[in-house]
Amino acid sequence: MSFKLVTKKKGQANFMSCKEFFKPIRDGVEKLSPIKNDMDNFFLCLVVGFKYNLREKYNNYTLVEFNSKYTEGFLHVRPLINGLLLTKIIGLKGIDNNQKSKVKKLMQEVIDINDPLNLKPDFIRILHEYYIGGYLKLLSEFDNKRPKDVSVFFTKLNNLLKD
């Protein structure tokens, strides 16, 4: 599997795609925006999804592939992202972090060292479910409108991520 961005919600004609949402602060007059590519979009949404423990059913959305592996600038976060996902799955399964044999078994179920994302397909889907949940949270924060200014976007994002 690969990284994908949400383009449609099945049964909802006026759903805004992730690319469309980020377009004004990525491509417009904001050439100095730190949001440069689809991987940036994906991980900003994923972090929000993880923070709020938000998941949306993968099959309720149409997604389009944008990359089959981590881009060079994101390779260093692969272990962190997979660790965060494992932490979420451990919680979902009710496994105590101190139960080393159960955690090790779960890691074997989740991790695939031969895959560029280092995850087995079912868990790549779960990763995308958190991404979609985070995207919907951002979309809601902006009243289903595109952010027009990168500073406003990051102010709202910062407020979302504060403890």
C-alpha atoms as a PDB file:
ATOM      1  CA  MET A   1       0.000   0.000   0.000  1.00  0.00           C
ATOM      2  CA  SER A   2       0.939   3.623  -0.178  1.00  0.00           C
ATOM      3  CA  PHE A   3       0.128   7.044   1.173  1.00  0.00           C
ATOM      4  CA  LYS A   4      -3.193   8.409  -0.015  1.00  0.00           C
ATOM      5  CA  LEU A   5      -5.160  11.630   0.320  1.00  0.00           C
ATOM      6  CA  VAL A   6      -8.914  11.769   0.716  1.00  0.00           C
ATOM      7  CA  THR A   7     -10.750  13.144  -2.293  1.00  0.00           C
ATOM      8  CA  LYS A   8     -14.410  12.337  -1.596  1.00  0.00           C
ATOM      9  CA  LYS A   9     -16.754  11.122   1.073  1.00  0.00           C
ATOM     10  CA  LYS A  10     -19.054   8.544  -0.395  1.00  0.00           C
ATOM     11  CA  GLY A  11     -22.587   9.897  -0.653  1.00  0.00           C
ATOM     12  CA  GLN A  12     -21.587  13.527  -0.046  1.00  0.00           C
ATOM     13  CA  ALA A  13     -21.356  15.569  -3.238  1.00  0.00           C
ATOM     14  CA  ASN A  14     -19.955  18.780  -1.719  1.00  0.00           C
ATOM     15  CA  PHE A  15     -17.087  17.203   0.253  1.00  0.00           C
ATOM     16  CA  MET A  16     -13.831  19.176   0.003  1.00  0.00           C
ATOM     17  CA  SER A  17     -10.765  17.119  -0.903  1.00  0.00           C
ATOM     18  CA  CYS A  18      -7.623  17.425   1.174  1.00  0.00           C
ATOM     19  CA  LYS A  19      -5.700  18.900  -1.779  1.00  0.00           C
ATOM     20  CA  GLU A  20      -8.396  21.511  -2.281  1.00  0.00           C
ATOM     21  CA  PHE A  21      -8.367  22.395   1.442  1.00  0.00           C
ATOM     22  CA  PHE A  22      -4.596  22.999   1.529  1.00  0.00           C
ATOM     23  CA  LYS A  23      -4.313  24.604  -1.937  1.00  0.00           C
ATOM     24  CA  PRO A  24      -4.549  28.300  -0.927  1.00  0.00           C
ATOM     25  CA  ILE A  25      -1.813  28.034   1.700  1.00  0.00           C
ATOM     26  CA  ARG A  26       0.354  25.779  -0.429  1.00  0.00           C
ATOM     27  CA  ASP A  27       0.155  27.067  -3.979  1.00  0.00           C
ATOM     28  CA  GLY A  28      -1.207  30.615  -3.922  1.00  0.00           C
ATOM     29  CA  VAL A  29       0.585  33.753  -2.862  1.00  0.00           C
ATOM     30  CA  GLU A  30       1.971  31.816   0.101  1.00  0.00           C
ATOM     31  CA  LYS A  31       5.088  30.604  -1.736  1.00  0.00           C
ATOM     32  CA  LEU A  32       6.955  30.791   1.563  1.00  0.00           C
ATOM     33  CA  SER A  33       4.560  28.391   3.256  1.00  0.00           C
ATOM     34  CA  PRO A  34       6.239  25.462   5.024  1.00  0.00           C
ATOM     35  CA  ILE A  35       3.478  23.252   3.595  1.00  0.00           C
ATOM     36  CA  LYS A  36       5.068  22.202   0.329  1.00  0.00           C
ATOM     37  CA  ASN A  37       3.647  18.830  -0.696  1.00  0.00           C
ATOM     38  CA  ASP A  38       1.060  16.126  -0.147  1.00  0.00           C
ATOM     39  CA  MET A  39       3.212  14.430   2.487  1.00  0.00           C
ATOM     40  CA  ASP A  40       3.048  17.630   4.562  1.00  0.00           C
ATOM     41  CA  ASN A  41      -0.755  17.650   4.213  1.00  0.00           C
ATOM     42  CA  PHE A  42      -0.984  13.997   5.228  1.00  0.00           C
ATOM     43  CA  PHE A  43       1.187  14.284   8.327  1.00  0.00           C
ATOM     44  CA  LEU A  44      -0.399  17.488   9.602  1.00  0.00           C
ATOM     45  CA  CYS A  45      -3.786  15.761   9.473  1.00  0.00           C
ATOM     46  CA  LEU A  46      -2.375  12.546  10.943  1.00  0.00           C
ATOM     47  CA  VAL A  47      -0.962  14.353  13.968  1.00  0.00           C
ATOM     48  CA  VAL A  48      -4.380  15.903  14.647  1.00  0.00           C
ATOM     49  CA  GLY A  49      -6.035  12.507  14.256  1.00  0.00           C
ATOM     50  CA  PHE A  50      -3.589  10.953  16.715  1.00  0.00           C
ATOM     51  CA  LYS A  51      -3.946  13.829  19.173  1.00  0.00           C
ATOM     52  CA  TYR A  52      -7.742  13.599  19.288  1.00  0.00           C
ATOM     53  CA  ASN A  53      -7.873   9.836  18.790  1.00  0.00           C
ATOM     54  CA  LEU A  54     -10.068  10.369  15.726  1.00  0.00           C
ATOM     55  CA  ARG A  55     -10.561   7.624  13.179  1.00  0.00           C
ATOM     56  CA  GLU A  56     -12.898   7.516  10.229  1.00  0.00           C
ATOM     57  CA  LYS A  57     -13.792   4.343   8.373  1.00  0.00           C
ATOM     58  CA  TYR A  58     -11.464   4.010   5.411  1.00  0.00           C
ATOM     59  CA  ASN A  59     -14.134   2.506   3.166  1.00  0.00           C
ATOM     60  CA  ASN A  60     -16.447   5.533   3.543  1.00  0.00           C
ATOM     61  CA  TYR A  61     -14.023   7.674   1.534  1.00  0.00           C
ATOM     62  CA  THR A  62     -12.380   7.765  -1.854  1.00  0.00           C
ATOM     63  CA  LEU A  63      -8.640   8.232  -1.589  1.00  0.00           C
ATOM     64  CA  VAL A  64      -5.998   8.812  -4.228  1.00  0.00           C
ATOM     65  CA  GLU A  65      -2.419   7.593  -3.964  1.00  0.00           C
ATOM     66  CA  PHE A  66       0.264  10.240  -3.837  1.00  0.00           C
ATOM     67  CA  ASN A  67       3.368   8.332  -2.785  1.00  0.00           C
ATOM     68  CA  SER A  68       4.353   4.702  -2.322  1.00  0.00           C
ATOM     69  CA  LYS A  69       6.945   5.458   0.352  1.00  0.00           C
ATOM     70  CA  TYR A  70       8.181   8.135   2.733  1.00  0.00           C
ATOM     71  CA  THR A  71       9.803  11.046   0.943  1.00  0.00           C
ATOM     72  CA  GLU A  72      13.373  11.907   1.840  1.00  0.00           C
ATOM     73  CA  GLY A  73      12.338  14.681   4.217  1.00  0.00           C
ATOM     74  CA  PHE A  74      10.079  12.331   6.186  1.00  0.00           C
ATOM     75  CA  LEU A  75      12.175   9.161   6.412  1.00  0.00           C
ATOM     76  CA  HIS A  76      13.423  10.144   9.856  1.00  0.00           C
ATOM     77  CA  VAL A  77       9.856  10.251  11.255  1.00  0.00           C
ATOM     78  CA  ARG A  78       8.881   6.751  10.099  1.00  0.00           C
ATOM     79  CA  PRO A  79       9.835   5.130  13.441  1.00  0.00           C
ATOM     80  CA  LEU A  80       8.003   7.864  15.365  1.00  0.00           C
ATOM     81  CA  ILE A  81       4.839   7.545  13.272  1.00  0.00           C
ATOM     82  CA  ASN A  82       4.866   3.753  13.514  1.00  0.00           C
ATOM     83  CA  GLY A  83       5.488   4.017  17.263  1.00  0.00           C
ATOM     84  CA  LEU A  84       2.516   6.366  17.667  1.00  0.00           C
ATOM     85  CA  LEU A  85       0.350   4.008  15.649  1.00  0.00           C
ATOM     86  CA  LEU A  86       1.495   1.049  17.749  1.00  0.00           C
ATOM     87  CA  THR A  87       0.667   3.003  20.903  1.00  0.00           C
ATOM     88  CA  LYS A  88      -2.847   3.643  19.587  1.00  0.00           C
ATOM     89  CA  ILE A  89      -3.326  -0.024  18.667  1.00  0.00           C
ATOM     90  CA  ILE A  90      -2.011  -1.165  22.057  1.00  0.00           C
ATOM     91  CA  GLY A  91      -4.629   1.062  23.664  1.00  0.00           C
ATOM     92  CA  LEU A  92      -7.387  -0.187  21.365  1.00  0.00           C
ATOM     93  CA  LYS A  93      -6.543  -3.781  22.199  1.00  0.00           C
ATOM     94  CA  GLY A  94      -6.292  -3.035  25.921  1.00  0.00           C
ATOM     95  CA  ILE A  95      -2.727  -4.295  26.176  1.00  0.00           C
ATOM     96  CA  ASP A  96      -0.665  -3.089  29.135  1.00  0.00           C
ATOM     97  CA  ASN A  97       2.651  -1.589  27.987  1.00  0.00           C
ATOM     98  CA  ASN A  98       4.417  -3.731  30.586  1.00  0.00           C
ATOM     99  CA  GLN A  99       3.172  -6.965  28.992  1.00  0.00           C
ATOM    100  CA  LYS A 100       6.287  -7.318  26.850  1.00  0.00           C
ATOM    101  CA  SER A 101       5.324 -10.618  25.206  1.00  0.00           C
ATOM    102  CA  LYS A 102       1.938  -9.193  24.077  1.00  0.00           C
ATOM    103  CA  VAL A 103       3.542  -5.984  22.832  1.00  0.00           C
ATOM    104  CA  LYS A 104       6.187  -7.975  20.948  1.00  0.00           C
ATOM    105  CA  LYS A 105       3.507 -10.178  19.378  1.00  0.00           C
ATOM    106  CA  LEU A 106       1.533  -7.110  18.347  1.00  0.00           C
ATOM    107  CA  MET A 107       4.645  -5.562  16.805  1.00  0.00           C
ATOM    108  CA  GLN A 108       5.052  -8.709  14.712  1.00  0.00           C
ATOM    109  CA  GLU A 109       1.433  -8.357  13.549  1.00  0.00           C
ATOM    110  CA  VAL A 110       1.860  -4.693  12.651  1.00  0.00           C
ATOM    111  CA  ILE A 111       5.399  -4.225  11.326  1.00  0.00           C
ATOM    112  CA  ASP A 112       6.524  -5.378   7.880  1.00  0.00           C
ATOM    113  CA  ILE A 113      10.198  -4.588   7.336  1.00  0.00           C
ATOM    114  CA  ASN A 114       9.827  -5.388   3.624  1.00  0.00           C
ATOM    115  CA  ASP A 115       7.209  -2.687   3.053  1.00  0.00           C
ATOM    116  CA  PRO A 116       8.420   0.876   2.378  1.00  0.00           C
ATOM    117  CA  LEU A 117       6.078   2.151   5.122  1.00  0.00           C
ATOM    118  CA  ASN A 118       7.178  -0.682   7.447  1.00  0.00           C
ATOM    119  CA  LEU A 119       3.529  -1.541   8.101  1.00  0.00           C
ATOM    120  CA  LYS A 120       1.295  -4.390   7.033  1.00  0.00           C
ATOM    121  CA  PRO A 121      -1.678  -3.376   4.829  1.00  0.00           C
ATOM    122  CA  ASP A 122      -4.362  -3.551   7.549  1.00  0.00           C
ATOM    123  CA  PHE A 123      -2.348  -1.162   9.689  1.00  0.00           C
ATOM    124  CA  ILE A 124      -1.646   1.201   6.802  1.00  0.00           C
ATOM    125  CA  ARG A 125      -5.442   1.435   6.526  1.00  0.00           C
ATOM    126  CA  ILE A 126      -5.662   2.258  10.240  1.00  0.00           C
ATOM    127  CA  LEU A 127      -2.982   4.936   9.777  1.00  0.00           C
ATOM    128  CA  HIS A 128      -5.138   6.422   7.022  1.00  0.00           C
ATOM    129  CA  GLU A 129      -8.198   6.287   9.264  1.00  0.00           C
ATOM    130  CA  TYR A 130      -6.401   8.519  11.771  1.00  0.00           C
ATOM    131  CA  TYR A 131      -5.309  10.806   8.928  1.00  0.00           C
ATOM    132  CA  ILE A 132      -8.931  11.103   7.720  1.00  0.00           C
ATOM    133  CA  GLY A 133     -10.133  11.755  11.281  1.00  0.00           C
ATOM    134  CA  GLY A 134      -7.559  14.531  11.633  1.00  0.00           C
ATOM    135  CA  TYR A 135      -8.474  15.996   8.263  1.00  0.00           C
ATOM    136  CA  LEU A 136     -12.139  16.135   9.228  1.00  0.00           C
ATOM    137  CA  LYS A 137     -11.210  17.858  12.500  1.00  0.00           C
ATOM    138  CA  LEU A 138      -9.215  20.498  10.572  1.00  0.00           C
ATOM    139  CA  LEU A 139     -12.037  20.902   8.087  1.00  0.00           C
ATOM    140  CA  SER A 140     -14.441  21.464  10.974  1.00  0.00           C
ATOM    141  CA  GLU A 141     -12.119  24.016  12.614  1.00  0.00           C
ATOM    142  CA  PHE A 142     -12.236  26.017   9.395  1.00  0.00           C
ATOM    143  CA  ASP A 143     -16.033  25.703   9.030  1.00  0.00           C
ATOM    144  CA  ASN A 144     -15.576  23.569   5.896  1.00  0.00           C
ATOM    145  CA  LYS A 145     -13.750  26.402   4.143  1.00  0.00           C
ATOM    146  CA  ARG A 146     -10.192  26.547   2.880  1.00  0.00           C
ATOM    147  CA  PRO A 147      -7.702  28.447   5.022  1.00  0.00           C
ATOM    148  CA  LYS A 148      -6.738  31.609   3.198  1.00  0.00           C
ATOM    149  CA  ASP A 149      -3.659  32.506   5.200  1.00  0.00           C
ATOM    150  CA  VAL A 150      -0.854  30.249   6.372  1.00  0.00           C
ATOM    151  CA  SER A 151      -0.474  32.146   9.666  1.00  0.00           C
ATOM    152  CA  VAL A 152      -4.171  31.670  10.491  1.00  0.00           C
ATOM    153  CA  PHE A 153      -3.846  27.986   9.613  1.00  0.00           C
ATOM    154  CA  PHE A 154      -0.873  27.454  11.930  1.00  0.00           C
ATOM    155  CA  THR A 155      -2.470  29.464  14.731  1.00  0.00           C
ATOM    156  CA  LYS A 156      -5.524  27.196  14.642  1.00  0.00           C
ATOM    157  CA  LEU A 157      -3.351  24.089  14.266  1.00  0.00           C
ATOM    158  CA  ASN A 158      -1.222  25.162  17.218  1.00  0.00           C
ATOM    159  CA  ASN A 159      -4.329  25.713  19.334  1.00  0.00           C
ATOM    160  CA  LEU A 160      -5.576  22.247  18.402  1.00  0.00           C
ATOM    161  CA  LEU A 161      -2.301  20.605  19.352  1.00  0.00           C
ATOM    162  CA  LYS A 162      -1.814  22.410  22.674  1.00  0.00           C
ATOM    163  CA  ASP A 163      -2.467  20.377  25.793  1.00  0.00           C
END
